Amino acid sequence: MDSALQLWITFGRLRAGLVDRYRDEVGEGVISTAIAVLIMALIGAAMWVAFSGVFDSASQRTTDNVNQIGS
């Protein structure tokens, strides 16, 4: 009987530990994904600003060269 009680207590402790660990980590994946999405959005916005600046500059130089050739 003593052995069965020890087994029951040990099982209960293990189960409680696993349940607590699971409850503690719930939502970690969602938070990590949200952070990754925000970082990627910021990188994308920075790339768009850089691309837009380069494209506007190239467009203006092309227009200037075409006008110079035409005159």
PDB file of N, CA and C in Angstrom:
ATOM      1  N   MET A   1       0.821  -1.194   0.000  1.00  0.00           N
ATOM      2  CA  MET A   1       0.000   0.000   0.000  1.00  0.00           C
ATOM      3  C   MET A   1       0.863   1.255   0.000  1.00  0.00           C
ATOM      4  N   ASP A   2       1.942   1.243   0.763  1.00  0.00           N
ATOM      5  CA  ASP A   2       2.841   2.385   0.837  1.00  0.00           C
ATOM      6  C   ASP A   2       3.471   2.664  -0.527  1.00  0.00           C
ATOM      7  N   SER A   3       3.804   1.622  -1.247  1.00  0.00           N
ATOM      8  CA  SER A   3       4.404   1.751  -2.571  1.00  0.00           C
ATOM      9  C   SER A   3       3.403   2.375  -3.552  1.00  0.00           C
ATOM     10  N   ALA A   4       2.168   1.955  -3.475  1.00  0.00           N
ATOM     11  CA  ALA A   4       1.141   2.501  -4.356  1.00  0.00           C
ATOM     12  C   ALA A   4       0.921   3.988  -4.073  1.00  0.00           C
ATOM     13  N   LEU A   5       0.958   4.368  -2.809  1.00  0.00           N
ATOM     14  CA  LEU A   5       0.790   5.772  -2.436  1.00  0.00           C
ATOM     15  C   LEU A   5       1.958   6.614  -2.954  1.00  0.00           C
ATOM     16  N   GLN A   6       3.170   6.096  -2.823  1.00  0.00           N
ATOM     17  CA  GLN A   6       4.339   6.811  -3.338  1.00  0.00           C
ATOM     18  C   GLN A   6       4.251   6.981  -4.854  1.00  0.00           C
ATOM     19  N   LEU A   7       3.821   5.929  -5.530  1.00  0.00           N
ATOM     20  CA  LEU A   7       3.667   5.992  -6.976  1.00  0.00           C
ATOM     21  C   LEU A   7       2.617   7.033  -7.356  1.00  0.00           C
ATOM     22  N   TRP A   8       1.519   7.052  -6.630  1.00  0.00           N
ATOM     23  CA  TRP A   8       0.450   8.013  -6.899  1.00  0.00           C
ATOM     24  C   TRP A   8       0.940   9.455  -6.699  1.00  0.00           C
ATOM     25  N   ILE A   9       1.678   9.693  -5.625  1.00  0.00           N
ATOM     26  CA  ILE A   9       2.200  11.032  -5.338  1.00  0.00           C
ATOM     27  C   ILE A   9       3.219  11.449  -6.400  1.00  0.00           C
ATOM     28  N   THR A  10       4.106  10.525  -6.766  1.00  0.00           N
ATOM     29  CA  THR A  10       5.112  10.818  -7.785  1.00  0.00           C
ATOM     30  C   THR A  10       4.448  11.147  -9.115  1.00  0.00           C
ATOM     31  N   PHE A  11       3.467  10.358  -9.497  1.00  0.00           N
ATOM     32  CA  PHE A  11       2.750  10.604 -10.741  1.00  0.00           C
ATOM     33  C   PHE A  11       2.046  11.961 -10.700  1.00  0.00           C
ATOM     34  N   GLY A  12       1.445  12.274  -9.581  1.00  0.00           N
ATOM     35  CA  GLY A  12       0.758  13.558  -9.435  1.00  0.00           C
ATOM     36  C   GLY A  12       1.711  14.734  -9.560  1.00  0.00           C
ATOM     37  N   ARG A  13       2.889  14.611  -8.964  1.00  0.00           N
ATOM     38  CA  ARG A  13       3.881  15.683  -9.061  1.00  0.00           C
ATOM     39  C   ARG A  13       4.380  15.850 -10.494  1.00  0.00           C
ATOM     40  N   LEU A  14       4.652  14.745 -11.155  1.00  0.00           N
ATOM     41  CA  LEU A  14       5.110  14.811 -12.542  1.00  0.00           C
ATOM     42  C   LEU A  14       4.055  15.448 -13.437  1.00  0.00           C
ATOM     43  N   ARG A  15       2.819  15.019 -13.232  1.00  0.00           N
ATOM     44  CA  ARG A  15       1.728  15.562 -14.037  1.00  0.00           C
ATOM     45  C   ARG A  15       1.562  17.057 -13.779  1.00  0.00           C
ATOM     46  N   ALA A  16       1.619  17.464 -12.524  1.00  0.00           N
ATOM     47  CA  ALA A  16       1.477  18.879 -12.187  1.00  0.00           C
ATOM     48  C   ALA A  16       2.622  19.698 -12.779  1.00  0.00           C
ATOM     49  N   GLY A  17       3.826  19.149 -12.750  1.00  0.00           N
ATOM     50  CA  GLY A  17       4.972  19.845 -13.327  1.00  0.00           C
ATOM     51  C   GLY A  17       4.834  20.023 -14.821  1.00  0.00           C
ATOM     52  N   LEU A  18       4.372  18.982 -15.500  1.00  0.00           N
ATOM     53  CA  LEU A  18       4.191  19.079 -16.946  1.00  0.00           C
ATOM     54  C   LEU A  18       3.081  20.057 -17.307  1.00  0.00           C
ATOM     55  N   VAL A  19       1.997  20.020 -16.557  1.00  0.00           N
ATOM     56  CA  VAL A  19       0.883  20.927 -16.825  1.00  0.00           C
ATOM     57  C   VAL A  19       1.314  22.368 -16.582  1.00  0.00           C
ATOM     58  N   ASP A  20       2.056  22.618 -15.493  1.00  0.00           N
ATOM     59  CA  ASP A  20       2.530  23.974 -15.215  1.00  0.00           C
ATOM     60  C   ASP A  20       3.478  24.462 -16.304  1.00  0.00           C
ATOM     61  N   ARG A  21       4.372  23.583 -16.748  1.00  0.00           N
ATOM     62  CA  ARG A  21       5.313  23.969 -17.800  1.00  0.00           C
ATOM     63  C   ARG A  21       4.564  24.270 -19.092  1.00  0.00           C
ATOM     64  N   TYR A  22       3.571  23.448 -19.408  1.00  0.00           N
ATOM     65  CA  TYR A  22       2.789  23.670 -20.628  1.00  0.00           C
ATOM     66  C   TYR A  22       2.029  24.989 -20.548  1.00  0.00           C
ATOM     67  N   ARG A  23       1.411  25.251 -19.423  1.00  0.00           N
ATOM     68  CA  ARG A  23       0.654  26.495 -19.262  1.00  0.00           C
ATOM     69  C   ARG A  23       1.568  27.708 -19.291  1.00  0.00           C
ATOM     70  N   ASP A  24       2.789  27.560 -18.806  1.00  0.00           N
ATOM     71  CA  ASP A  24       3.731  28.664 -18.781  1.00  0.00           C
ATOM     72  C   ASP A  24       4.189  29.039 -20.187  1.00  0.00           C
ATOM     73  N   GLU A  25       4.261  28.073 -21.088  1.00  0.00           N
ATOM     74  CA  GLU A  25       4.773  28.320 -22.431  1.00  0.00           C
ATOM     75  C   GLU A  25       3.676  28.533 -23.466  1.00  0.00           C
ATOM     76  N   VAL A  26       2.431  28.543 -23.046  1.00  0.00           N
ATOM     77  CA  VAL A  26       1.337  28.766 -23.985  1.00  0.00           C
ATOM     78  C   VAL A  26       1.441  30.193 -24.513  1.00  0.00           C
ATOM     79  N   GLY A  27       1.369  30.342 -25.812  1.00  0.00           N
ATOM     80  CA  GLY A  27       1.436  31.654 -26.430  1.00  0.00           C
ATOM     81  C   GLY A  27       2.828  32.093 -26.835  1.00  0.00           C
ATOM     82  N   GLU A  28       3.850  31.353 -26.454  1.00  0.00           N
ATOM     83  CA  GLU A  28       5.219  31.737 -26.808  1.00  0.00           C
ATOM     84  C   GLU A  28       5.415  31.742 -28.321  1.00  0.00           C
ATOM     85  N   GLY A  29       4.857  30.770 -29.005  1.00  0.00           N
ATOM     86  CA  GLY A  29       5.003  30.706 -30.459  1.00  0.00           C
ATOM     87  C   GLY A  29       4.315  31.866 -31.151  1.00  0.00           C
ATOM     88  N   VAL A  30       3.169  32.251 -30.634  1.00  0.00           N
ATOM     89  CA  VAL A  30       2.417  33.360 -31.224  1.00  0.00           C
ATOM     90  C   VAL A  30       3.182  34.669 -31.043  1.00  0.00           C
ATOM     91  N   ILE A  31       3.738  34.859 -29.859  1.00  0.00           N
ATOM     92  CA  ILE A  31       4.491  36.084 -29.587  1.00  0.00           C
ATOM     93  C   ILE A  31       5.745  36.141 -30.454  1.00  0.00           C
ATOM     94  N   SER A  32       6.453  35.035 -30.551  1.00  0.00           N
ATOM     95  CA  SER A  32       7.666  34.998 -31.379  1.00  0.00           C
ATOM     96  C   SER A  32       7.338  35.265 -32.841  1.00  0.00           C
ATOM     97  N   THR A  33       6.248  34.694 -33.308  1.00  0.00           N
ATOM     98  CA  THR A  33       5.838  34.919 -34.696  1.00  0.00           C
ATOM     99  C   THR A  33       5.467  36.378 -34.922  1.00  0.00           C
ATOM    100  N   ALA A  34       4.772  36.970 -33.984  1.00  0.00           N
ATOM    101  CA  ALA A  34       4.389  38.380 -34.116  1.00  0.00           C
ATOM    102  C   ALA A  34       5.624  39.278 -34.163  1.00  0.00           C
ATOM    103  N   ILE A  35       6.611  38.983 -33.333  1.00  0.00           N
ATOM    104  CA  ILE A  35       7.847  39.768 -33.345  1.00  0.00           C
ATOM    105  C   ILE A  35       8.557  39.611 -34.681  1.00  0.00           C
ATOM    106  N   ALA A  36       8.614  38.381 -35.187  1.00  0.00           N
ATOM    107  CA  ALA A  36       9.268  38.140 -36.482  1.00  0.00           C
ATOM    108  C   ALA A  36       8.540  38.878 -37.605  1.00  0.00           C
ATOM    109  N   VAL A  37       7.220  38.886 -37.572  1.00  0.00           N
ATOM    110  CA  VAL A  37       6.441  39.587 -38.602  1.00  0.00           C
ATOM    111  C   VAL A  37       6.696  41.094 -38.532  1.00  0.00           C
ATOM    112  N   LEU A  38       6.754  41.647 -37.333  1.00  0.00           N
ATOM    113  CA  LEU A  38       7.029  43.079 -37.204  1.00  0.00           C
ATOM    114  C   LEU A  38       8.424  43.430 -37.708  1.00  0.00           C
ATOM    115  N   ILE A  39       9.404  42.590 -37.400  1.00  0.00           N
ATOM    116  CA  ILE A  39      10.768  42.840 -37.883  1.00  0.00           C
ATOM    117  C   ILE A  39      10.804  42.790 -39.403  1.00  0.00           C
ATOM    118  N   MET A  40      10.142  41.795 -39.984  1.00  0.00           N
ATOM    119  CA  MET A  40      10.120  41.684 -41.447  1.00  0.00           C
ATOM    120  C   MET A  40       9.400  42.878 -42.074  1.00  0.00           C
ATOM    121  N   ALA A  41       8.343  43.368 -41.431  1.00  0.00           N
ATOM    122  CA  ALA A  41       7.635  44.540 -41.945  1.00  0.00           C
ATOM    123  C   ALA A  41       8.535  45.773 -41.917  1.00  0.00           C
ATOM    124  N   LEU A  42       9.300  45.938 -40.851  1.00  0.00           N
ATOM    125  CA  LEU A  42      10.218  47.077 -40.772  1.00  0.00           C
ATOM    126  C   LEU A  42      11.321  46.973 -41.820  1.00  0.00           C
ATOM    127  N   ILE A  43      11.839  45.773 -42.024  1.00  0.00           N
ATOM    128  CA  ILE A  43      12.860  45.575 -43.059  1.00  0.00           C
ATOM    129  C   ILE A  43      12.270  45.874 -44.437  1.00  0.00           C
ATOM    130  N   GLY A  44      11.056  45.405 -44.683  1.00  0.00           N
ATOM    131  CA  GLY A  44      10.395  45.667 -45.960  1.00  0.00           C
ATOM    132  C   GLY A  44      10.159  47.151 -46.183  1.00  0.00           C
ATOM    133  N   ALA A  45       9.749  47.862 -45.139  1.00  0.00           N
ATOM    134  CA  ALA A  45       9.530  49.308 -45.269  1.00  0.00           C
ATOM    135  C   ALA A  45      10.843  50.026 -45.567  1.00  0.00           C
ATOM    136  N   ALA A  46      11.912  49.621 -44.891  1.00  0.00           N
ATOM    137  CA  ALA A  46      13.220  50.236 -45.148  1.00  0.00           C
ATOM    138  C   ALA A  46      13.682  49.951 -46.573  1.00  0.00           C
ATOM    139  N   MET A  47      13.455  48.733 -47.041  1.00  0.00           N
ATOM    140  CA  MET A  47      13.840  48.393 -48.410  1.00  0.00           C
ATOM    141  C   MET A  47      13.024  49.206 -49.413  1.00  0.00           C
ATOM    142  N   TRP A  48      11.746  49.417 -49.134  1.00  0.00           N
ATOM    143  CA  TRP A  48      10.905  50.190 -50.043  1.00  0.00           C
ATOM    144  C   TRP A  48      11.379  51.638 -50.115  1.00  0.00           C
ATOM    145  N   VAL A  49      11.724  52.219 -48.970  1.00  0.00           N
ATOM    146  CA  VAL A  49      12.215  53.600 -48.956  1.00  0.00           C
ATOM    147  C   VAL A  49      13.510  53.694 -49.759  1.00  0.00           C
ATOM    148  N   ALA A  50      14.410  52.740 -49.559  1.00  0.00           N
ATOM    149  CA  ALA A  50      15.679  52.747 -50.301  1.00  0.00           C
ATOM    150  C   ALA A  50      15.426  52.572 -51.799  1.00  0.00           C
ATOM    151  N   PHE A  51      14.570  51.633 -52.160  1.00  0.00           N
ATOM    152  CA  PHE A  51      14.264  51.394 -53.570  1.00  0.00           C
ATOM    153  C   PHE A  51      13.617  52.616 -54.200  1.00  0.00           C
ATOM    154  N   SER A  52      12.702  53.225 -53.483  1.00  0.00           N
ATOM    155  CA  SER A  52      12.013  54.404 -54.000  1.00  0.00           C
ATOM    156  C   SER A  52      13.001  55.540 -54.252  1.00  0.00           C
ATOM    157  N   GLY A  53      13.927  55.746 -53.333  1.00  0.00           N
ATOM    158  CA  GLY A  53      14.937  56.789 -53.514  1.00  0.00           C
ATOM    159  C   GLY A  53      15.833  56.510 -54.702  1.00  0.00           C
ATOM    160  N   VAL A  54      16.271  55.271 -54.846  1.00  0.00           N
ATOM    161  CA  VAL A  54      17.130  54.903 -55.975  1.00  0.00           C
ATOM    162  C   VAL A  54      16.361  55.041 -57.280  1.00  0.00           C
ATOM    163  N   PHE A  55      15.127  54.594 -57.312  1.00  0.00           N
ATOM    164  CA  PHE A  55      14.331  54.650 -58.536  1.00  0.00           C
ATOM    165  C   PHE A  55      14.045  56.091 -58.945  1.00  0.00           C
ATOM    166  N   ASP A  56      13.702  56.939 -57.973  1.00  0.00           N
ATOM    167  CA  ASP A  56      13.437  58.350 -58.295  1.00  0.00           C
ATOM    168  C   ASP A  56      14.688  59.022 -58.850  1.00  0.00           C
ATOM    169  N   SER A  57      15.827  58.727 -58.240  1.00  0.00           N
ATOM    170  CA  SER A  57      17.090  59.308 -58.707  1.00  0.00           C
ATOM    171  C   SER A  57      17.421  58.827 -60.118  1.00  0.00           C
ATOM    172  N   ALA A  58      17.283  57.542 -60.360  1.00  0.00           N
ATOM    173  CA  ALA A  58      17.570  56.990 -61.689  1.00  0.00           C
ATOM    174  C   ALA A  58      16.597  57.538 -62.724  1.00  0.00           C
ATOM    175  N   SER A  59      15.351  57.678 -62.345  1.00  0.00           N
ATOM    176  CA  SER A  59      14.341  58.214 -63.260  1.00  0.00           C
ATOM    177  C   SER A  59      14.666  59.652 -63.643  1.00  0.00           C
ATOM    178  N   GLN A  60      15.062  60.441 -62.662  1.00  0.00           N
ATOM    179  CA  GLN A  60      15.401  61.843 -62.932  1.00  0.00           C
ATOM    180  C   GLN A  60      16.635  61.943 -63.828  1.00  0.00           C
ATOM    181  N   ARG A  61      17.654  61.129 -63.563  1.00  0.00           N
ATOM    182  CA  ARG A  61      18.856  61.155 -64.403  1.00  0.00           C
ATOM    183  C   ARG A  61      18.541  60.713 -65.831  1.00  0.00           C
ATOM    184  N   THR A  62      17.688  59.703 -65.967  1.00  0.00           N
ATOM    185  CA  THR A  62      17.302  59.242 -67.300  1.00  0.00           C
ATOM    186  C   THR A  62      16.562  60.335 -68.053  1.00  0.00           C
ATOM    187  N   THR A  63      15.645  60.997 -67.383  1.00  0.00           N
ATOM    188  CA  THR A  63      14.895  62.090 -68.007  1.00  0.00           C
ATOM    189  C   THR A  63      15.835  63.218 -68.425  1.00  0.00           C
ATOM    190  N   ASP A  64      16.775  63.558 -67.554  1.00  0.00           N
ATOM    191  CA  ASP A  64      17.743  64.616 -67.888  1.00  0.00           C
ATOM    192  C   ASP A  64      18.581  64.235 -69.107  1.00  0.00           C
ATOM    193  N   ASN A  65      19.050  62.989 -69.158  1.00  0.00           N
ATOM    194  CA  ASN A  65      19.865  62.540 -70.296  1.00  0.00           C
ATOM    195  C   ASN A  65      19.062  62.518 -71.592  1.00  0.00           C
ATOM    196  N   VAL A  66      17.819  62.068 -71.527  1.00  0.00           N
ATOM    197  CA  VAL A  66      16.973  62.037 -72.725  1.00  0.00           C
ATOM    198  C   VAL A  66      16.721  63.454 -73.214  1.00  0.00           C
ATOM    199  N   ASN A  67      16.450  64.371 -72.310  1.00  0.00           N
ATOM    200  CA  ASN A  67      16.223  65.768 -72.704  1.00  0.00           C
ATOM    201  C   ASN A  67      17.491  66.395 -73.283  1.00  0.00           C
ATOM    202  N   GLN A  68      18.651  66.033 -72.727  1.00  0.00           N
ATOM    203  CA  GLN A  68      19.916  66.568 -73.227  1.00  0.00           C
ATOM    204  C   GLN A  68      20.203  66.045 -74.634  1.00  0.00           C
ATOM    205  N   ILE A  69      19.909  64.760 -74.865  1.00  0.00           N
ATOM    206  CA  ILE A  69      20.129  64.177 -76.188  1.00  0.00           C
ATOM    207  C   ILE A  69      19.171  64.802 -77.201  1.00  0.00           C
ATOM    208  N   GLY A  70      17.951  65.066 -76.780  1.00  0.00           N
ATOM    209  CA  GLY A  70      16.939  65.596 -77.689  1.00  0.00           C
ATOM    210  C   GLY A  70      17.147  67.049 -78.053  1.00  0.00           C
ATOM    211  N   SER A  71      17.959  67.777 -77.297  1.00  0.00           N
ATOM    212  CA  SER A  71      18.094  69.202 -77.618  1.00  0.00           C
ATOM    213  C   SER A  71      19.374  69.540 -78.332  1.00  0.00           C
TER     214      SER A  71
END
